[in-house]
Amino acid sequence: MRPLLYSKDRRKVLIEVNNAKLLWFDLGSKRLRTLRIKDCDSSYSAELLVSSLVLGCKGDPSEAKRRRERRALEDKMMQQRSKRDDFLSKGFKLVL
């Protein structure tokens, strides 16, 4: 038997029993209710995810540094491209 999660109102706990049943345990009345899922077998199992796919607010410091360096390089390339475009637009007039 292992607890999985609290209900939204935090008055019940979802419990898995013997990798086969899911039960709601009411903390106030100390009663168990079998969880029923429509159109599913009567036997259930649950898997817990311990890690996260999302980094914290700051993320990986080395990745943040690489991102800053890449952004700086892209900005530099855009400035060079802009200078080249300015030269062409000032020096020549296109006549169609």
N, C-alpha and C. Protein backbone atom coordinates (compact mmCIF):
# COMPACT_ATOMS: atom_id res chain seq x y z
N MET A 1 0.85 -1.17 0.00
CA MET A 1 0.00 0.00 0.00
C MET A 1 0.90 1.24 0.00
N ARG A 2 0.56 2.20 -0.89
CA ARG A 2 1.34 3.44 -0.91
C ARG A 2 0.43 4.62 -1.29
N PRO A 3 0.61 5.75 -0.63
CA PRO A 3 -0.16 6.95 -0.98
C PRO A 3 0.40 7.55 -2.27
N LEU A 4 -0.51 8.07 -3.10
CA LEU A 4 -0.09 8.65 -4.37
C LEU A 4 -0.26 10.16 -4.41
N LEU A 5 -1.44 10.65 -3.98
CA LEU A 5 -1.67 12.09 -4.03
C LEU A 5 -2.84 12.47 -3.15
N TYR A 6 -2.92 13.78 -2.87
CA TYR A 6 -4.06 14.35 -2.15
C TYR A 6 -5.11 14.79 -3.16
N SER A 7 -6.37 14.79 -2.74
CA SER A 7 -7.42 15.36 -3.57
C SER A 7 -7.26 16.88 -3.59
N LYS A 8 -8.01 17.56 -4.48
CA LYS A 8 -7.89 19.02 -4.58
C LYS A 8 -8.23 19.70 -3.26
N ASP A 9 -9.23 19.19 -2.56
CA ASP A 9 -9.61 19.80 -1.28
C ASP A 9 -8.76 19.30 -0.11
N ARG A 10 -7.81 18.41 -0.38
CA ARG A 10 -6.86 17.86 0.59
C ARG A 10 -7.55 17.12 1.74
N ARG A 11 -8.76 16.64 1.50
CA ARG A 11 -9.47 15.87 2.51
C ARG A 11 -9.36 14.36 2.28
N LYS A 12 -8.87 13.98 1.08
CA LYS A 12 -8.74 12.56 0.74
C LYS A 12 -7.34 12.30 0.20
N VAL A 13 -6.93 11.03 0.33
CA VAL A 13 -5.64 10.59 -0.21
C VAL A 13 -5.91 9.42 -1.15
N LEU A 14 -5.32 9.47 -2.35
CA LEU A 14 -5.43 8.35 -3.28
C LEU A 14 -4.34 7.34 -2.92
N ILE A 15 -4.75 6.10 -2.71
CA ILE A 15 -3.83 5.04 -2.26
C ILE A 15 -3.86 3.90 -3.27
N GLU A 16 -2.68 3.37 -3.59
CA GLU A 16 -2.57 2.19 -4.44
C GLU A 16 -2.33 0.99 -3.53
N VAL A 17 -3.07 -0.09 -3.76
CA VAL A 17 -2.96 -1.29 -2.93
C VAL A 17 -2.50 -2.46 -3.81
N ASN A 18 -1.37 -3.06 -3.46
CA ASN A 18 -0.84 -4.26 -4.12
C ASN A 18 -0.72 -4.12 -5.64
N ASN A 19 -0.40 -2.95 -6.12
CA ASN A 19 -0.27 -2.70 -7.57
C ASN A 19 -1.50 -3.15 -8.35
N ALA A 20 -2.67 -3.15 -7.71
CA ALA A 20 -3.87 -3.64 -8.38
C ALA A 20 -5.09 -2.76 -8.18
N LYS A 21 -5.20 -2.09 -7.05
CA LYS A 21 -6.39 -1.31 -6.74
C LYS A 21 -6.01 0.12 -6.39
N LEU A 22 -6.92 1.03 -6.73
CA LEU A 22 -6.78 2.42 -6.32
C LEU A 22 -7.95 2.75 -5.40
N LEU A 23 -7.64 3.32 -4.25
CA LEU A 23 -8.65 3.65 -3.25
C LEU A 23 -8.51 5.10 -2.81
N TRP A 24 -9.67 5.73 -2.52
CA TRP A 24 -9.65 7.04 -1.87
C TRP A 24 -9.79 6.82 -0.38
N PHE A 25 -8.90 7.41 0.40
CA PHE A 25 -9.00 7.34 1.86
C PHE A 25 -9.43 8.71 2.36
N ASP A 26 -10.59 8.77 3.00
CA ASP A 26 -11.12 10.02 3.55
C ASP A 26 -10.47 10.26 4.90
N LEU A 27 -9.72 11.35 5.02
CA LEU A 27 -8.98 11.63 6.26
C LEU A 27 -9.91 11.96 7.42
N GLY A 28 -11.06 12.57 7.14
CA GLY A 28 -12.00 12.94 8.20
C GLY A 28 -12.73 11.74 8.78
N SER A 29 -13.33 10.94 7.92
CA SER A 29 -14.14 9.81 8.38
C SER A 29 -13.35 8.52 8.50
N LYS A 30 -12.10 8.51 8.01
CA LYS A 30 -11.23 7.32 8.06
C LYS A 30 -11.84 6.15 7.29
N ARG A 31 -12.52 6.44 6.16
CA ARG A 31 -13.14 5.40 5.35
C ARG A 31 -12.44 5.29 4.01
N LEU A 32 -12.49 4.09 3.44
CA LEU A 32 -11.93 3.83 2.11
C LEU A 32 -13.06 3.68 1.10
N ARG A 33 -12.83 4.24 -0.11
CA ARG A 33 -13.76 4.06 -1.24
C ARG A 33 -12.96 3.61 -2.45
N THR A 34 -13.42 2.59 -3.11
CA THR A 34 -12.74 2.09 -4.31
C THR A 34 -12.91 3.09 -5.44
N LEU A 35 -11.82 3.37 -6.13
CA LEU A 35 -11.87 4.27 -7.28
C LEU A 35 -12.32 3.46 -8.49
N ARG A 36 -13.35 3.94 -9.14
CA ARG A 36 -13.86 3.27 -10.34
C ARG A 36 -13.67 4.20 -11.53
N ILE A 37 -13.11 3.64 -12.60
CA ILE A 37 -12.92 4.39 -13.83
C ILE A 37 -13.79 3.73 -14.89
N LYS A 38 -14.68 4.52 -15.47
CA LYS A 38 -15.64 4.00 -16.45
C LYS A 38 -14.93 3.36 -17.64
N ASP A 39 -15.44 2.23 -18.08
CA ASP A 39 -14.94 1.49 -19.25
C ASP A 39 -13.51 0.99 -19.10
N CYS A 40 -13.06 0.74 -17.88
CA CYS A 40 -11.71 0.20 -17.65
C CYS A 40 -11.81 -1.06 -16.80
N ASP A 41 -10.75 -1.84 -16.83
CA ASP A 41 -10.69 -3.04 -16.00
C ASP A 41 -10.79 -2.65 -14.53
N SER A 42 -11.00 -3.65 -13.70
CA SER A 42 -11.07 -3.38 -12.26
C SER A 42 -9.69 -3.36 -11.62
N SER A 43 -8.65 -3.71 -12.36
CA SER A 43 -7.29 -3.72 -11.83
C SER A 43 -6.50 -2.54 -12.41
N TYR A 44 -5.85 -1.78 -11.55
CA TYR A 44 -5.09 -0.61 -11.97
C TYR A 44 -3.69 -0.66 -11.39
N SER A 45 -2.80 0.10 -11.97
CA SER A 45 -1.50 0.32 -11.36
C SER A 45 -1.10 1.76 -11.64
N ALA A 46 -0.23 2.29 -10.83
CA ALA A 46 0.20 3.68 -10.97
C ALA A 46 1.71 3.75 -11.02
N GLU A 47 2.22 4.68 -11.79
CA GLU A 47 3.66 4.93 -11.87
C GLU A 47 3.92 6.33 -11.35
N LEU A 48 4.97 6.47 -10.56
CA LEU A 48 5.34 7.77 -10.04
C LEU A 48 6.50 8.33 -10.85
N LEU A 49 6.42 9.60 -11.19
CA LEU A 49 7.49 10.28 -11.90
C LEU A 49 8.26 11.11 -10.88
N VAL A 50 9.53 10.79 -10.72
CA VAL A 50 10.34 11.45 -9.70
C VAL A 50 11.04 12.68 -10.26
N SER A 51 11.46 12.63 -11.52
CA SER A 51 12.18 13.76 -12.10
C SER A 51 11.22 14.68 -12.83
N SER A 52 11.75 15.78 -13.32
CA SER A 52 10.94 16.77 -14.01
C SER A 52 11.50 17.03 -15.40
N LEU A 53 10.64 17.30 -16.34
CA LEU A 53 11.06 17.67 -17.68
C LEU A 53 11.32 19.17 -17.79
N VAL A 54 10.93 19.92 -16.77
CA VAL A 54 11.06 21.37 -16.79
C VAL A 54 12.17 21.78 -15.84
N LEU A 55 13.08 22.63 -16.30
CA LEU A 55 14.14 23.14 -15.44
C LEU A 55 13.57 24.21 -14.51
N GLY A 56 14.29 24.51 -13.48
CA GLY A 56 13.88 25.56 -12.57
C GLY A 56 13.90 26.92 -13.25
N CYS A 57 13.66 27.97 -12.50
CA CYS A 57 13.59 29.32 -13.07
C CYS A 57 14.87 29.70 -13.80
N LYS A 58 16.01 29.38 -13.23
CA LYS A 58 17.28 29.78 -13.83
C LYS A 58 17.78 28.76 -14.84
N GLY A 59 17.34 27.53 -14.74
CA GLY A 59 17.77 26.50 -15.67
C GLY A 59 19.20 26.08 -15.43
N ASP A 60 19.75 25.38 -16.38
CA ASP A 60 21.12 24.88 -16.32
C ASP A 60 22.08 26.05 -16.58
N PRO A 61 22.99 26.38 -15.65
CA PRO A 61 23.89 27.52 -15.84
C PRO A 61 24.74 27.43 -17.10
N SER A 62 25.24 26.25 -17.43
CA SER A 62 26.07 26.13 -18.63
C SER A 62 25.24 26.34 -19.89
N GLU A 63 24.00 25.87 -19.88
CA GLU A 63 23.12 26.08 -21.04
C GLU A 63 22.76 27.56 -21.17
N ALA A 64 22.54 28.23 -20.06
CA ALA A 64 22.23 29.67 -20.10
C ALA A 64 23.41 30.45 -20.68
N LYS A 65 24.63 30.06 -20.31
CA LYS A 65 25.82 30.73 -20.84
C LYS A 65 25.93 30.51 -22.34
N ARG A 66 25.71 29.29 -22.80
CA ARG A 66 25.76 29.00 -24.24
C ARG A 66 24.70 29.80 -24.99
N ARG A 67 23.52 29.92 -24.40
CA ARG A 67 22.45 30.67 -25.02
C ARG A 67 22.82 32.15 -25.17
N ARG A 68 23.43 32.72 -24.11
CA ARG A 68 23.86 34.13 -24.17
C ARG A 68 24.91 34.33 -25.24
N GLU A 69 25.89 33.40 -25.31
CA GLU A 69 26.94 33.50 -26.32
C GLU A 69 26.36 33.40 -27.73
N ARG A 70 25.44 32.48 -27.93
CA ARG A 70 24.81 32.31 -29.24
C ARG A 70 24.02 33.56 -29.63
N ARG A 71 23.31 34.13 -28.65
CA ARG A 71 22.53 35.35 -28.91
C ARG A 71 23.45 36.51 -29.27
N ALA A 72 24.60 36.63 -28.57
CA ALA A 72 25.56 37.70 -28.86
C ALA A 72 26.12 37.53 -30.27
N LEU A 73 26.44 36.31 -30.66
CA LEU A 73 26.95 36.05 -32.01
C LEU A 73 25.91 36.39 -33.07
N GLU A 74 24.66 36.02 -32.83
CA GLU A 74 23.59 36.35 -33.78
C GLU A 74 23.41 37.86 -33.89
N ASP A 75 23.48 38.58 -32.77
CA ASP A 75 23.36 40.04 -32.79
C ASP A 75 24.49 40.66 -33.60
N LYS A 76 25.70 40.15 -33.42
CA LYS A 76 26.86 40.67 -34.15
C LYS A 76 26.69 40.44 -35.65
N MET A 77 26.21 39.26 -36.03
CA MET A 77 26.00 38.96 -37.45
C MET A 77 24.92 39.87 -38.04
N MET A 78 23.88 40.14 -37.27
CA MET A 78 22.81 41.03 -37.75
C MET A 78 23.33 42.45 -37.95
N GLN A 79 24.20 42.92 -37.05
CA GLN A 79 24.78 44.26 -37.19
C GLN A 79 25.64 44.33 -38.45
N GLN A 80 26.45 43.31 -38.70
CA GLN A 80 27.29 43.29 -39.90
C GLN A 80 26.43 43.27 -41.16
N ARG A 81 25.38 42.49 -41.15
CA ARG A 81 24.48 42.41 -42.29
C ARG A 81 23.80 43.76 -42.53
N SER A 82 23.42 44.41 -41.43
CA SER A 82 22.77 45.72 -41.53
C SER A 82 23.71 46.75 -42.14
N LYS A 83 24.99 46.73 -41.73
CA LYS A 83 25.97 47.66 -42.28
C LYS A 83 26.14 47.43 -43.78
N ARG A 84 26.19 46.18 -44.19
CA ARG A 84 26.34 45.85 -45.60
C ARG A 84 25.12 46.33 -46.38
N ASP A 85 23.93 46.13 -45.84
CA ASP A 85 22.71 46.57 -46.51
C ASP A 85 22.65 48.08 -46.61
N ASP A 86 23.10 48.79 -45.57
CA ASP A 86 23.12 50.25 -45.59
C ASP A 86 24.03 50.76 -46.69
N PHE A 87 25.19 50.14 -46.86
CA PHE A 87 26.14 50.54 -47.90
C PHE A 87 25.50 50.44 -49.28
N LEU A 88 24.84 49.32 -49.53
CA LEU A 88 24.22 49.12 -50.83
C LEU A 88 23.07 50.09 -51.07
N SER A 89 22.30 50.37 -50.06
CA SER A 89 21.16 51.26 -50.25
C SER A 89 21.59 52.71 -50.43
N LYS A 90 22.72 53.13 -49.87
CA LYS A 90 23.19 54.50 -50.01
C LYS A 90 23.94 54.69 -51.32
N GLY A 91 24.67 53.69 -51.75
CA GLY A 91 25.53 53.84 -52.92
C GLY A 91 24.84 53.68 -54.25
N PHE A 92 23.74 52.98 -54.29
CA PHE A 92 23.10 52.68 -55.56
C PHE A 92 21.61 52.97 -55.50
N LYS A 93 21.09 53.37 -56.62
CA LYS A 93 19.64 53.53 -56.74
C LYS A 93 19.17 52.53 -57.77
N LEU A 94 18.19 51.78 -57.41
CA LEU A 94 17.67 50.75 -58.30
C LEU A 94 16.60 51.36 -59.19
N VAL A 95 16.79 51.21 -60.48
CA VAL A 95 15.81 51.73 -61.44
C VAL A 95 15.25 50.55 -62.20
N LEU A 96 13.95 50.45 -62.22
CA LEU A 96 13.29 49.36 -62.95
C LEU A 96 12.69 49.87 -64.23
